[in-house]
Amino acid sequence: MTAASPGGLAAAQRLAEERASTEARITSLRRDFDAIVSSSASAADDEHDPEGSSTAFERQHAAALLEQAQEHLAEIAQAEARLAAGSYGRCERCGRPIAAERLAARPAASTCIACASRRH
């Protein structure tokens, strides 16, 4: 499937929506992370601050969510490259088509359900 094909246009639209949503999430998570860091900047020592452990947890949690969102953005970019190359919608492991339902739910999916379930 290519971006110029009828199915490709729909795929390109889904990927664009997924990209916009993920970029908005990254912006929000960065803002949250920065707020946590700036609010804890006044505390000289997290270890001895009664709120330090929860602040450290919040900071680590926000950082992990931000990392996941950035990884998802990279997956979207890879899916866009597959679409441009004409290999979008084909499993990168077995070469079979990826079910339309899977692509609708996970536009950046690179494997079919069978191969994805074998991975774990």
N, C-alpha and C. Protein backbone atom coordinates (compact mmCIF):
# COMPACT_ATOMS: atom_id res chain seq x y z
N MET A 1 0.85 -1.17 0.00
CA MET A 1 0.00 0.00 0.00
C MET A 1 0.90 1.23 0.00
N THR A 2 0.57 2.17 -0.83
CA THR A 2 1.30 3.43 -0.89
C THR A 2 0.39 4.58 -0.49
N ALA A 3 0.98 5.71 -0.21
CA ALA A 3 0.19 6.87 0.20
C ALA A 3 -0.76 7.34 -0.89
N ALA A 4 -0.46 7.01 -2.16
CA ALA A 4 -1.31 7.46 -3.26
C ALA A 4 -2.50 6.53 -3.51
N SER A 5 -2.46 5.29 -2.99
CA SER A 5 -3.56 4.35 -3.19
C SER A 5 -4.73 4.73 -2.28
N PRO A 6 -5.96 4.29 -2.63
CA PRO A 6 -7.11 4.63 -1.79
C PRO A 6 -6.93 4.22 -0.33
N GLY A 7 -6.48 3.00 -0.10
CA GLY A 7 -6.23 2.57 1.28
C GLY A 7 -5.09 3.33 1.91
N GLY A 8 -4.15 3.72 1.07
CA GLY A 8 -3.00 4.47 1.55
C GLY A 8 -3.36 5.85 2.03
N LEU A 9 -4.34 6.47 1.37
CA LEU A 9 -4.78 7.80 1.81
C LEU A 9 -5.40 7.73 3.19
N ALA A 10 -6.20 6.69 3.42
CA ALA A 10 -6.80 6.51 4.75
C ALA A 10 -5.72 6.22 5.78
N ALA A 11 -4.74 5.40 5.40
CA ALA A 11 -3.64 5.09 6.32
C ALA A 11 -2.84 6.34 6.63
N ALA A 12 -2.57 7.15 5.61
CA ALA A 12 -1.82 8.39 5.82
C ALA A 12 -2.58 9.31 6.77
N GLN A 13 -3.90 9.37 6.63
CA GLN A 13 -4.72 10.20 7.52
C GLN A 13 -4.66 9.67 8.95
N ARG A 14 -4.79 8.35 9.13
CA ARG A 14 -4.71 7.78 10.48
C ARG A 14 -3.35 8.05 11.11
N LEU A 15 -2.29 7.90 10.32
CA LEU A 15 -0.94 8.15 10.84
C LEU A 15 -0.76 9.63 11.19
N ALA A 16 -1.31 10.52 10.38
CA ALA A 16 -1.21 11.95 10.67
C ALA A 16 -1.95 12.29 11.97
N GLU A 17 -3.12 11.69 12.16
CA GLU A 17 -3.87 11.91 13.40
C GLU A 17 -3.12 11.35 14.60
N GLU A 18 -2.53 10.17 14.42
CA GLU A 18 -1.75 9.54 15.50
C GLU A 18 -0.53 10.39 15.83
N ARG A 19 0.11 10.93 14.80
CA ARG A 19 1.28 11.80 15.01
C ARG A 19 0.86 13.05 15.79
N ALA A 20 -0.21 13.70 15.37
CA ALA A 20 -0.67 14.93 16.05
C ALA A 20 -1.03 14.65 17.50
N SER A 21 -1.71 13.55 17.75
CA SER A 21 -2.09 13.18 19.11
C SER A 21 -0.86 12.90 19.96
N THR A 22 0.10 12.20 19.41
CA THR A 22 1.31 11.86 20.15
C THR A 22 2.16 13.09 20.41
N GLU A 23 2.26 13.98 19.43
CA GLU A 23 3.02 15.22 19.64
C GLU A 23 2.37 16.08 20.72
N ALA A 24 1.04 16.13 20.74
CA ALA A 24 0.34 16.88 21.79
C ALA A 24 0.59 16.25 23.15
N ARG A 25 0.60 14.94 23.19
CA ARG A 25 0.88 14.23 24.46
C ARG A 25 2.30 14.52 24.93
N ILE A 26 3.25 14.52 24.01
CA ILE A 26 4.64 14.81 24.38
C ILE A 26 4.75 16.23 24.94
N THR A 27 4.09 17.18 24.31
CA THR A 27 4.11 18.57 24.79
C THR A 27 3.55 18.65 26.21
N SER A 28 2.43 17.96 26.44
CA SER A 28 1.80 17.96 27.76
C SER A 28 2.70 17.28 28.80
N LEU A 29 3.30 16.16 28.43
CA LEU A 29 4.17 15.44 29.36
C LEU A 29 5.42 16.25 29.69
N ARG A 30 5.97 16.94 28.70
CA ARG A 30 7.14 17.80 28.95
C ARG A 30 6.78 18.91 29.92
N ARG A 31 5.60 19.48 29.73
CA ARG A 31 5.13 20.55 30.62
C ARG A 31 4.97 20.00 32.05
N ASP A 32 4.36 18.81 32.17
CA ASP A 32 4.19 18.18 33.49
C ASP A 32 5.55 17.90 34.13
N PHE A 33 6.47 17.32 33.34
CA PHE A 33 7.79 16.99 33.86
C PHE A 33 8.51 18.24 34.34
N ASP A 34 8.47 19.30 33.53
CA ASP A 34 9.12 20.56 33.90
C ASP A 34 8.51 21.14 35.17
N ALA A 35 7.20 21.02 35.32
CA ALA A 35 6.54 21.53 36.53
C ALA A 35 6.97 20.75 37.76
N ILE A 36 7.09 19.44 37.62
CA ILE A 36 7.54 18.62 38.75
C ILE A 36 8.97 18.98 39.13
N VAL A 37 9.83 19.12 38.13
CA VAL A 37 11.23 19.46 38.40
C VAL A 37 11.33 20.84 39.04
N SER A 38 10.61 21.81 38.51
CA SER A 38 10.71 23.16 39.08
C SER A 38 10.12 23.23 40.49
N SER A 39 9.08 22.47 40.75
CA SER A 39 8.49 22.49 42.10
C SER A 39 9.40 21.80 43.12
N SER A 40 10.19 20.85 42.65
CA SER A 40 11.10 20.17 43.58
C SER A 40 12.45 20.86 43.67
N ALA A 41 12.68 21.87 42.85
CA ALA A 41 13.96 22.58 42.88
C ALA A 41 14.18 23.31 44.20
N SER A 42 13.10 23.70 44.84
CA SER A 42 13.25 24.41 46.11
C SER A 42 13.62 23.47 47.25
N ALA A 43 13.34 22.18 47.10
CA ALA A 43 13.72 21.21 48.12
C ALA A 43 15.19 20.88 47.95
N ALA A 44 15.97 21.11 48.97
CA ALA A 44 17.41 20.92 48.89
C ALA A 44 17.80 19.45 48.83
N ASP A 45 16.99 18.58 49.44
CA ASP A 45 17.40 17.18 49.56
C ASP A 45 16.16 16.29 49.53
N ASP A 46 15.92 15.62 48.42
CA ASP A 46 14.76 14.73 48.30
C ASP A 46 14.78 13.63 49.35
N GLU A 47 15.96 13.16 49.69
CA GLU A 47 16.07 12.02 50.61
C GLU A 47 15.53 12.35 52.00
N HIS A 48 15.71 13.58 52.45
CA HIS A 48 15.28 13.96 53.79
C HIS A 48 14.00 14.78 53.80
N ASP A 49 13.48 15.06 52.64
CA ASP A 49 12.23 15.79 52.52
C ASP A 49 11.08 14.78 52.61
N PRO A 50 10.09 15.01 53.49
CA PRO A 50 8.98 14.05 53.62
C PRO A 50 8.24 13.83 52.29
N GLU A 51 8.21 14.82 51.43
CA GLU A 51 7.57 14.70 50.13
C GLU A 51 8.53 14.25 49.05
N GLY A 52 9.80 14.10 49.40
CA GLY A 52 10.83 13.79 48.42
C GLY A 52 10.60 12.50 47.66
N SER A 53 10.19 11.45 48.36
CA SER A 53 10.02 10.17 47.66
C SER A 53 8.87 10.22 46.68
N SER A 54 7.78 10.90 47.03
CA SER A 54 6.67 11.00 46.09
C SER A 54 7.02 11.91 44.93
N THR A 55 7.79 12.95 45.18
CA THR A 55 8.23 13.83 44.11
C THR A 55 9.15 13.08 43.15
N ALA A 56 10.07 12.30 43.70
CA ALA A 56 10.97 11.51 42.86
C ALA A 56 10.18 10.50 42.04
N PHE A 57 9.16 9.89 42.65
CA PHE A 57 8.32 8.94 41.92
C PHE A 57 7.59 9.65 40.78
N GLU A 58 6.99 10.79 41.08
CA GLU A 58 6.27 11.55 40.05
C GLU A 58 7.18 11.95 38.91
N ARG A 59 8.38 12.39 39.25
CA ARG A 59 9.35 12.79 38.23
C ARG A 59 9.73 11.60 37.35
N GLN A 60 9.99 10.46 37.98
CA GLN A 60 10.37 9.25 37.24
C GLN A 60 9.20 8.75 36.39
N HIS A 61 8.01 8.82 36.92
CA HIS A 61 6.81 8.38 36.19
C HIS A 61 6.59 9.25 34.95
N ALA A 62 6.70 10.56 35.13
CA ALA A 62 6.53 11.49 34.00
C ALA A 62 7.62 11.25 32.96
N ALA A 63 8.84 11.00 33.40
CA ALA A 63 9.94 10.74 32.46
C ALA A 63 9.69 9.46 31.68
N ALA A 64 9.18 8.43 32.34
CA ALA A 64 8.90 7.16 31.66
C ALA A 64 7.77 7.32 30.64
N LEU A 65 6.73 8.05 31.00
CA LEU A 65 5.64 8.31 30.06
C LEU A 65 6.12 9.12 28.85
N LEU A 66 6.99 10.08 29.10
CA LEU A 66 7.54 10.90 28.03
C LEU A 66 8.39 10.03 27.09
N GLU A 67 9.18 9.15 27.65
CA GLU A 67 10.01 8.25 26.83
C GLU A 67 9.14 7.33 25.98
N GLN A 68 8.07 6.79 26.56
CA GLN A 68 7.15 5.94 25.79
C GLN A 68 6.52 6.70 24.64
N ALA A 69 6.11 7.93 24.89
CA ALA A 69 5.49 8.74 23.84
C ALA A 69 6.49 9.05 22.73
N GLN A 70 7.73 9.31 23.09
CA GLN A 70 8.75 9.59 22.08
C GLN A 70 9.05 8.34 21.25
N GLU A 71 9.06 7.17 21.89
CA GLU A 71 9.24 5.92 21.17
C GLU A 71 8.08 5.69 20.21
N HIS A 72 6.87 6.00 20.64
CA HIS A 72 5.70 5.84 19.78
C HIS A 72 5.79 6.78 18.58
N LEU A 73 6.28 7.99 18.80
CA LEU A 73 6.46 8.93 17.70
C LEU A 73 7.46 8.36 16.67
N ALA A 74 8.51 7.71 17.15
CA ALA A 74 9.47 7.07 16.24
C ALA A 74 8.81 5.93 15.47
N GLU A 75 7.93 5.17 16.13
CA GLU A 75 7.21 4.09 15.44
C GLU A 75 6.31 4.66 14.35
N ILE A 76 5.70 5.80 14.61
CA ILE A 76 4.85 6.46 13.61
C ILE A 76 5.69 6.87 12.41
N ALA A 77 6.86 7.42 12.67
CA ALA A 77 7.75 7.83 11.58
C ALA A 77 8.15 6.62 10.74
N GLN A 78 8.41 5.50 11.39
CA GLN A 78 8.75 4.27 10.66
C GLN A 78 7.57 3.80 9.82
N ALA A 79 6.37 3.90 10.36
CA ALA A 79 5.17 3.51 9.62
C ALA A 79 4.96 4.42 8.41
N GLU A 80 5.22 5.71 8.59
CA GLU A 80 5.11 6.65 7.47
C GLU A 80 6.13 6.30 6.38
N ALA A 81 7.32 5.89 6.79
CA ALA A 81 8.35 5.49 5.82
C ALA A 81 7.92 4.22 5.08
N ARG A 82 7.31 3.27 5.82
CA ARG A 82 6.80 2.05 5.17
C ARG A 82 5.70 2.39 4.18
N LEU A 83 4.85 3.34 4.53
CA LEU A 83 3.78 3.76 3.64
C LEU A 83 4.37 4.36 2.36
N ALA A 84 5.36 5.22 2.50
CA ALA A 84 6.01 5.84 1.34
C ALA A 84 6.72 4.80 0.48
N ALA A 85 7.26 3.75 1.12
CA ALA A 85 7.98 2.71 0.39
C ALA A 85 7.06 1.65 -0.21
N GLY A 86 5.79 1.68 0.20
CA GLY A 86 4.83 0.71 -0.33
C GLY A 86 4.74 -0.58 0.45
N SER A 87 5.37 -0.63 1.61
CA SER A 87 5.33 -1.86 2.41
C SER A 87 4.42 -1.74 3.64
N TYR A 88 3.75 -0.62 3.79
CA TYR A 88 2.83 -0.44 4.92
C TYR A 88 1.69 -1.45 4.81
N GLY A 89 1.33 -2.04 5.94
CA GLY A 89 0.24 -3.00 5.96
C GLY A 89 0.69 -4.43 5.75
N ARG A 90 2.00 -4.64 5.59
CA ARG A 90 2.57 -5.97 5.49
C ARG A 90 3.43 -6.22 6.72
N CYS A 91 3.30 -7.42 7.25
CA CYS A 91 4.07 -7.80 8.44
C CYS A 91 5.56 -7.82 8.11
N GLU A 92 6.35 -7.17 8.92
CA GLU A 92 7.79 -7.13 8.68
C GLU A 92 8.47 -8.46 9.03
N ARG A 93 7.77 -9.36 9.70
CA ARG A 93 8.34 -10.66 10.04
C ARG A 93 7.98 -11.74 9.02
N CYS A 94 6.69 -11.87 8.73
CA CYS A 94 6.25 -12.98 7.86
C CYS A 94 5.85 -12.52 6.46
N GLY A 95 5.65 -11.22 6.27
CA GLY A 95 5.29 -10.68 4.97
C GLY A 95 3.81 -10.74 4.63
N ARG A 96 3.01 -11.33 5.50
CA ARG A 96 1.56 -11.39 5.25
C ARG A 96 0.92 -10.05 5.56
N PRO A 97 -0.28 -9.83 5.03
CA PRO A 97 -0.98 -8.57 5.33
C PRO A 97 -1.33 -8.47 6.82
N ILE A 98 -1.25 -7.26 7.32
CA ILE A 98 -1.69 -6.97 8.69
C ILE A 98 -3.18 -6.66 8.60
N ALA A 99 -3.96 -7.27 9.48
CA ALA A 99 -5.41 -7.09 9.46
C ALA A 99 -5.78 -5.61 9.56
N ALA A 100 -6.78 -5.22 8.78
CA ALA A 100 -7.25 -3.83 8.77
C ALA A 100 -7.67 -3.38 10.17
N GLU A 101 -8.27 -4.30 10.93
CA GLU A 101 -8.69 -3.96 12.29
C GLU A 101 -7.50 -3.61 13.17
N ARG A 102 -6.40 -4.34 13.00
CA ARG A 102 -5.19 -4.07 13.78
C ARG A 102 -4.62 -2.71 13.39
N LEU A 103 -4.58 -2.43 12.09
CA LEU A 103 -4.06 -1.13 11.64
C LEU A 103 -4.96 0.02 12.07
N ALA A 104 -6.26 -0.24 12.15
CA ALA A 104 -7.17 0.80 12.62
C ALA A 104 -6.92 1.10 14.10
N ALA A 105 -6.65 0.06 14.87
CA ALA A 105 -6.40 0.23 16.30
C ALA A 105 -4.98 0.72 16.59
N ARG A 106 -4.03 0.23 15.79
CA ARG A 106 -2.62 0.59 15.98
C ARG A 106 -2.02 0.95 14.63
N PRO A 107 -2.21 2.17 14.16
CA PRO A 107 -1.75 2.54 12.82
C PRO A 107 -0.26 2.32 12.58
N ALA A 108 0.54 2.34 13.62
CA ALA A 108 1.98 2.17 13.46
C ALA A 108 2.42 0.71 13.55
N ALA A 109 1.46 -0.22 13.65
CA ALA A 109 1.81 -1.64 13.78
C ALA A 109 2.68 -2.10 12.62
N SER A 110 3.72 -2.86 12.95
CA SER A 110 4.62 -3.36 11.91
C SER A 110 4.55 -4.87 11.77
N THR A 111 3.77 -5.51 12.65
CA THR A 111 3.63 -6.97 12.58
C THR A 111 2.16 -7.35 12.64
N CYS A 112 1.87 -8.52 12.08
CA CYS A 112 0.52 -9.05 12.17
C CYS A 112 0.28 -9.55 13.60
N ILE A 113 -0.94 -9.88 13.91
CA ILE A 113 -1.28 -10.31 15.26
C ILE A 113 -0.53 -11.60 15.62
N ALA A 114 -0.45 -12.53 14.69
CA ALA A 114 0.22 -13.80 14.96
C ALA A 114 1.70 -13.58 15.33
N CYS A 115 2.40 -12.77 14.55
CA CYS A 115 3.80 -12.51 14.83
C CYS A 115 3.99 -11.68 16.10
N ALA A 116 3.08 -10.74 16.34
CA ALA A 116 3.17 -9.93 17.55
C ALA A 116 2.97 -10.78 18.79
N SER A 117 2.08 -11.76 18.72
CA SER A 117 1.85 -12.60 19.90
C SER A 117 3.00 -13.57 20.13
N ARG A 118 3.74 -13.93 19.10
CA ARG A 118 4.91 -14.80 19.26
C ARG A 118 6.08 -14.08 19.87
N ARG A 119 6.10 -12.77 19.74
CA ARG A 119 7.21 -11.96 20.24
C ARG A 119 7.34 -12.06 21.76
N HIS A 120 6.21 -12.25 22.44
CA HIS A 120 6.24 -12.26 23.92
C HIS A 120 6.24 -13.63 24.37
